[in-house]
Amino acid sequence: MVSVMPIDLDSRADADYLHQLARAPDLAPDEVNAMQDKAGTPRLCR
């Protein structure tokens, strides 16, 4: 969550960074979406 807080998701590079970060620890897409919902950021996993 700490990596999400300073990012505005105003560029593709920001979205790509968060997507790579989410995939690194082998989190399931539902887990990633739940964390993004909690942080109030757009979902990156579909």
Protein backbone atom coordinates (compact mmCIF):
# COMPACT_ATOMS: atom_id res chain seq x y z
CA MET A 1 0.00 0.00 0.00
CA VAL A 2 2.88 2.35 0.68
CA SER A 3 3.85 2.35 -3.01
CA VAL A 4 0.31 3.25 -4.04
CA MET A 5 -0.04 6.28 -1.78
CA PRO A 6 2.37 8.70 -3.53
CA ILE A 7 1.28 7.72 -7.06
CA ASP A 8 -1.42 9.64 -8.91
CA LEU A 9 -1.83 7.06 -11.71
CA ASP A 10 -1.65 9.87 -14.23
CA SER A 11 0.65 7.99 -16.57
CA ARG A 12 1.03 4.56 -18.08
CA ALA A 13 4.41 4.25 -16.35
CA ASP A 14 2.73 4.59 -12.93
CA ALA A 15 0.17 1.92 -13.81
CA ASP A 16 2.87 -0.40 -15.17
CA TYR A 17 4.95 0.03 -12.00
CA LEU A 18 2.02 -0.86 -9.75
CA HIS A 19 1.08 -3.81 -11.94
CA GLN A 20 4.64 -5.20 -11.77
CA LEU A 21 4.70 -4.62 -8.02
CA ALA A 22 1.44 -6.50 -7.56
CA ARG A 23 2.66 -9.46 -9.61
CA ALA A 24 6.00 -9.78 -7.78
CA PRO A 25 4.73 -11.52 -4.60
CA ASP A 26 2.30 -13.72 -6.59
CA LEU A 27 -0.80 -12.01 -5.26
CA ALA A 28 -4.06 -13.14 -6.79
CA PRO A 29 -5.88 -10.50 -8.86
CA ASP A 30 -8.70 -10.44 -6.27
CA GLU A 31 -6.17 -9.66 -3.52
CA VAL A 32 -4.66 -6.85 -5.57
CA ASN A 33 -8.10 -5.39 -6.29
CA ALA A 34 -9.03 -5.57 -2.61
CA MET A 35 -5.91 -3.61 -1.65
CA GLN A 36 -6.62 -1.03 -4.34
CA ASP A 37 -10.23 -0.70 -3.19
CA LYS A 38 -8.96 -0.09 0.34
CA ALA A 39 -6.47 2.52 -0.91
CA GLY A 40 -9.16 4.20 -3.02
CA THR A 41 -7.24 3.76 -6.28
CA PRO A 42 -8.43 2.39 -9.62
CA ARG A 43 -8.27 -1.37 -10.08
CA LEU A 44 -5.45 -2.57 -12.32
CA CYS A 45 -6.43 -6.24 -12.42
CA ARG A 46 -9.40 -7.30 -14.43
